[in-house]
Amino acid sequence: MTEILQQDDGKHGKFYITEEDKDVAHMTYTWAGSDKFIIDHTDVNPILKGQGVGLKLVERAIAFARDKRVKIIPLCPFAKATINKHAEWHDIL
């Protein structure tokens, strides 16, 4: 799988994967102050379904939150369900 990239302008950001210069998967977030961000949407192109790409995006968001010592508010149903399944990630909530 290709590398998960990140864009962040201080207000909004996304973790994403591109193939042939096209966005094929992304997870968007919005900063809620300086100590937390809200994951608001996850989208994976159907050609990547079943490959665990959504999970990899969530894992990248968790790593980013831990690195920055911030919390995540998962409003995206996919991110919320995925994080809830992993008790070891609940420290970032």
N, C-alpha and C. Protein backbone atom coordinates (compact mmCIF):
# COMPACT_ATOMS: atom_id res chain seq x y z
N MET A 1 0.84 -1.18 0.00
CA MET A 1 0.00 0.00 0.00
C MET A 1 0.88 1.24 0.00
N THR A 2 0.39 2.24 -0.64
CA THR A 2 1.13 3.51 -0.69
C THR A 2 1.13 4.19 0.66
N GLU A 3 2.02 5.14 0.78
CA GLU A 3 2.18 5.89 2.01
C GLU A 3 0.95 6.74 2.32
N ILE A 4 0.64 6.86 3.61
CA ILE A 4 -0.43 7.74 4.04
C ILE A 4 0.17 9.13 4.25
N LEU A 5 -0.32 10.09 3.50
CA LEU A 5 0.16 11.46 3.56
C LEU A 5 -0.73 12.28 4.48
N GLN A 6 -0.28 13.50 4.82
CA GLN A 6 -1.07 14.36 5.67
C GLN A 6 -0.97 15.80 5.21
N GLN A 7 -2.08 16.49 5.27
CA GLN A 7 -2.14 17.94 5.06
C GLN A 7 -2.79 18.52 6.30
N ASP A 8 -2.31 19.68 6.74
CA ASP A 8 -2.89 20.34 7.91
C ASP A 8 -2.62 21.83 7.80
N ASP A 9 -3.68 22.64 7.80
CA ASP A 9 -3.51 24.08 7.70
C ASP A 9 -3.71 24.79 9.03
N GLY A 10 -3.78 24.02 10.12
CA GLY A 10 -3.99 24.60 11.44
C GLY A 10 -5.45 24.67 11.84
N LYS A 11 -6.35 24.55 10.86
CA LYS A 11 -7.79 24.53 11.14
C LYS A 11 -8.41 23.21 10.71
N HIS A 12 -8.00 22.75 9.54
CA HIS A 12 -8.50 21.49 8.98
C HIS A 12 -7.32 20.67 8.49
N GLY A 13 -7.58 19.38 8.37
CA GLY A 13 -6.53 18.52 7.84
C GLY A 13 -7.10 17.24 7.30
N LYS A 14 -6.21 16.45 6.75
CA LYS A 14 -6.63 15.13 6.27
C LYS A 14 -5.42 14.21 6.18
N PHE A 15 -5.71 12.94 6.36
CA PHE A 15 -4.77 11.87 6.09
C PHE A 15 -5.29 11.25 4.80
N TYR A 16 -4.39 10.99 3.86
CA TYR A 16 -4.89 10.53 2.57
C TYR A 16 -3.87 9.67 1.83
N ILE A 17 -4.40 8.95 0.86
CA ILE A 17 -3.59 8.09 0.00
C ILE A 17 -3.90 8.48 -1.44
N THR A 18 -2.87 8.66 -2.23
CA THR A 18 -3.08 8.95 -3.65
C THR A 18 -2.46 7.82 -4.48
N GLU A 19 -3.07 7.60 -5.61
CA GLU A 19 -2.53 6.68 -6.62
C GLU A 19 -2.69 7.37 -7.96
N GLU A 20 -1.60 7.47 -8.69
CA GLU A 20 -1.60 8.14 -9.98
C GLU A 20 -2.18 9.54 -9.86
N ASP A 21 -1.74 10.26 -8.82
CA ASP A 21 -2.15 11.64 -8.55
C ASP A 21 -3.64 11.81 -8.27
N LYS A 22 -4.32 10.74 -7.88
CA LYS A 22 -5.73 10.82 -7.53
C LYS A 22 -5.90 10.39 -6.07
N ASP A 23 -6.74 11.12 -5.35
CA ASP A 23 -7.06 10.81 -3.97
C ASP A 23 -7.95 9.57 -3.96
N VAL A 24 -7.43 8.44 -3.43
CA VAL A 24 -8.20 7.20 -3.42
C VAL A 24 -8.73 6.84 -2.04
N ALA A 25 -8.24 7.52 -1.01
CA ALA A 25 -8.74 7.31 0.35
C ALA A 25 -8.35 8.52 1.18
N HIS A 26 -9.28 8.94 2.06
CA HIS A 26 -8.94 10.06 2.94
C HIS A 26 -9.78 10.05 4.21
N MET A 27 -9.24 10.67 5.22
CA MET A 27 -9.93 10.88 6.48
C MET A 27 -9.71 12.35 6.83
N THR A 28 -10.79 13.11 6.93
CA THR A 28 -10.68 14.53 7.21
C THR A 28 -10.91 14.82 8.68
N TYR A 29 -10.29 15.90 9.15
CA TYR A 29 -10.47 16.31 10.53
C TYR A 29 -10.46 17.82 10.64
N THR A 30 -11.02 18.30 11.75
CA THR A 30 -11.08 19.73 12.05
C THR A 30 -10.55 19.92 13.47
N TRP A 31 -9.68 20.89 13.64
CA TRP A 31 -9.15 21.18 14.98
C TRP A 31 -10.24 21.81 15.84
N ALA A 32 -10.32 21.39 17.09
CA ALA A 32 -11.26 21.93 18.07
C ALA A 32 -10.40 22.48 19.20
N GLY A 33 -9.82 23.65 18.98
CA GLY A 33 -8.86 24.18 19.93
C GLY A 33 -7.48 23.62 19.60
N SER A 34 -6.55 23.77 20.54
CA SER A 34 -5.19 23.32 20.28
C SER A 34 -4.91 21.93 20.85
N ASP A 35 -5.89 21.37 21.59
CA ASP A 35 -5.63 20.11 22.28
C ASP A 35 -6.46 18.94 21.78
N LYS A 36 -7.26 19.14 20.73
CA LYS A 36 -8.05 18.03 20.19
C LYS A 36 -8.49 18.32 18.76
N PHE A 37 -8.77 17.24 18.04
CA PHE A 37 -9.32 17.39 16.69
C PHE A 37 -10.46 16.41 16.49
N ILE A 38 -11.36 16.79 15.59
CA ILE A 38 -12.56 16.01 15.30
C ILE A 38 -12.37 15.30 13.97
N ILE A 39 -12.45 13.97 14.00
CA ILE A 39 -12.46 13.22 12.73
C ILE A 39 -13.90 13.28 12.23
N ASP A 40 -14.09 13.91 11.07
CA ASP A 40 -15.46 14.11 10.61
C ASP A 40 -15.86 13.26 9.39
N HIS A 41 -14.89 12.69 8.70
CA HIS A 41 -15.28 11.92 7.50
C HIS A 41 -14.15 10.98 7.09
N THR A 42 -14.53 9.79 6.67
CA THR A 42 -13.59 8.83 6.10
C THR A 42 -14.18 8.31 4.81
N ASP A 43 -13.36 8.25 3.77
CA ASP A 43 -13.84 7.75 2.48
C ASP A 43 -12.74 6.92 1.83
N VAL A 44 -13.10 5.73 1.40
CA VAL A 44 -12.15 4.85 0.71
C VAL A 44 -12.77 4.45 -0.62
N ASN A 45 -12.02 4.63 -1.69
CA ASN A 45 -12.48 4.26 -3.02
C ASN A 45 -12.85 2.77 -3.03
N PRO A 46 -13.97 2.42 -3.67
CA PRO A 46 -14.39 1.02 -3.71
C PRO A 46 -13.32 0.04 -4.22
N ILE A 47 -12.40 0.51 -5.06
CA ILE A 47 -11.36 -0.40 -5.55
C ILE A 47 -10.43 -0.86 -4.42
N LEU A 48 -10.43 -0.14 -3.30
CA LEU A 48 -9.58 -0.50 -2.16
C LEU A 48 -10.35 -1.18 -1.03
N LYS A 49 -11.64 -1.35 -1.18
CA LYS A 49 -12.45 -1.95 -0.12
C LYS A 49 -11.91 -3.33 0.23
N GLY A 50 -11.98 -3.65 1.51
CA GLY A 50 -11.54 -4.97 1.98
C GLY A 50 -10.04 -5.09 2.18
N GLN A 51 -9.29 -4.02 1.98
CA GLN A 51 -7.83 -4.08 2.13
C GLN A 51 -7.35 -3.45 3.44
N GLY A 52 -8.29 -3.06 4.30
CA GLY A 52 -7.90 -2.48 5.58
C GLY A 52 -7.41 -1.05 5.50
N VAL A 53 -7.74 -0.36 4.41
CA VAL A 53 -7.27 1.00 4.21
C VAL A 53 -7.88 1.95 5.25
N GLY A 54 -9.16 1.80 5.52
CA GLY A 54 -9.81 2.64 6.52
C GLY A 54 -9.16 2.49 7.88
N LEU A 55 -8.86 1.25 8.25
CA LEU A 55 -8.18 0.98 9.52
C LEU A 55 -6.81 1.65 9.55
N LYS A 56 -6.08 1.60 8.45
CA LYS A 56 -4.76 2.23 8.38
C LYS A 56 -4.87 3.75 8.56
N LEU A 57 -5.92 4.36 8.02
CA LEU A 57 -6.12 5.79 8.20
C LEU A 57 -6.38 6.11 9.68
N VAL A 58 -7.19 5.29 10.33
CA VAL A 58 -7.45 5.49 11.76
C VAL A 58 -6.16 5.32 12.56
N GLU A 59 -5.39 4.30 12.25
CA GLU A 59 -4.11 4.09 12.95
C GLU A 59 -3.19 5.29 12.79
N ARG A 60 -3.18 5.88 11.61
CA ARG A 60 -2.33 7.05 11.36
C ARG A 60 -2.80 8.24 12.20
N ALA A 61 -4.13 8.41 12.30
CA ALA A 61 -4.69 9.49 13.13
C ALA A 61 -4.34 9.28 14.61
N ILE A 62 -4.40 8.04 15.07
CA ILE A 62 -4.04 7.71 16.46
C ILE A 62 -2.57 8.06 16.71
N ALA A 63 -1.71 7.65 15.80
CA ALA A 63 -0.27 7.93 15.95
C ALA A 63 -0.02 9.44 15.98
N PHE A 64 -0.71 10.18 15.12
CA PHE A 64 -0.57 11.64 15.08
C PHE A 64 -1.02 12.26 16.41
N ALA A 65 -2.17 11.81 16.91
CA ALA A 65 -2.69 12.34 18.18
C ALA A 65 -1.72 12.06 19.33
N ARG A 66 -1.19 10.86 19.37
CA ARG A 66 -0.24 10.53 20.44
C ARG A 66 1.04 11.35 20.32
N ASP A 67 1.52 11.49 19.11
CA ASP A 67 2.74 12.26 18.88
C ASP A 67 2.57 13.73 19.30
N LYS A 68 1.42 14.30 19.01
CA LYS A 68 1.14 15.70 19.33
C LYS A 68 0.57 15.87 20.75
N ARG A 69 0.31 14.74 21.42
CA ARG A 69 -0.30 14.75 22.76
C ARG A 69 -1.63 15.50 22.77
N VAL A 70 -2.48 15.13 21.80
CA VAL A 70 -3.82 15.71 21.71
C VAL A 70 -4.85 14.59 21.71
N LYS A 71 -6.10 14.96 21.85
CA LYS A 71 -7.20 14.00 21.89
C LYS A 71 -7.96 14.01 20.56
N ILE A 72 -8.72 12.95 20.33
CA ILE A 72 -9.54 12.83 19.13
C ILE A 72 -11.01 12.73 19.54
N ILE A 73 -11.84 13.46 18.81
CA ILE A 73 -13.30 13.32 18.93
C ILE A 73 -13.75 12.67 17.62
N PRO A 74 -14.07 11.37 17.64
CA PRO A 74 -14.44 10.69 16.39
C PRO A 74 -15.93 10.83 16.07
N LEU A 75 -16.30 11.87 15.33
CA LEU A 75 -17.70 12.03 14.92
C LEU A 75 -18.02 11.19 13.70
N CYS A 76 -17.04 10.88 12.89
CA CYS A 76 -17.22 9.99 11.74
C CYS A 76 -17.64 8.61 12.26
N PRO A 77 -18.76 8.07 11.79
CA PRO A 77 -19.22 6.76 12.29
C PRO A 77 -18.18 5.65 12.13
N PHE A 78 -17.48 5.63 11.00
CA PHE A 78 -16.46 4.59 10.79
C PHE A 78 -15.33 4.71 11.80
N ALA A 79 -14.79 5.93 11.96
CA ALA A 79 -13.69 6.13 12.90
C ALA A 79 -14.13 5.81 14.32
N LYS A 80 -15.33 6.24 14.69
CA LYS A 80 -15.85 6.00 16.04
C LYS A 80 -15.96 4.50 16.31
N ALA A 81 -16.56 3.77 15.39
CA ALA A 81 -16.72 2.31 15.55
C ALA A 81 -15.37 1.61 15.62
N THR A 82 -14.44 2.04 14.77
CA THR A 82 -13.11 1.41 14.74
C THR A 82 -12.36 1.66 16.04
N ILE A 83 -12.37 2.89 16.51
CA ILE A 83 -11.67 3.21 17.76
C ILE A 83 -12.33 2.49 18.94
N ASN A 84 -13.65 2.41 18.94
CA ASN A 84 -14.34 1.73 20.04
C ASN A 84 -13.99 0.25 20.12
N LYS A 85 -13.62 -0.35 19.01
CA LYS A 85 -13.26 -1.78 18.99
C LYS A 85 -11.86 -2.04 19.56
N HIS A 86 -11.08 -0.98 19.76
CA HIS A 86 -9.70 -1.13 20.21
C HIS A 86 -9.49 -0.40 21.53
N ALA A 87 -9.60 -1.13 22.63
CA ALA A 87 -9.47 -0.52 23.96
C ALA A 87 -8.12 0.16 24.12
N GLU A 88 -7.09 -0.33 23.44
CA GLU A 88 -5.74 0.25 23.57
C GLU A 88 -5.66 1.66 22.96
N TRP A 89 -6.68 2.07 22.25
CA TRP A 89 -6.70 3.41 21.66
C TRP A 89 -7.53 4.41 22.46
N HIS A 90 -8.21 3.94 23.49
CA HIS A 90 -9.15 4.82 24.21
C HIS A 90 -8.44 5.95 24.96
N ASP A 91 -7.13 5.89 25.08
CA ASP A 91 -6.39 6.97 25.74
C ASP A 91 -6.44 8.27 24.95
N ILE A 92 -6.74 8.19 23.66
CA ILE A 92 -6.76 9.42 22.85
C ILE A 92 -8.15 10.03 22.77
N LEU A 93 -9.12 9.40 23.41
CA LEU A 93 -10.49 9.95 23.39
C LEU A 93 -10.64 11.04 24.42
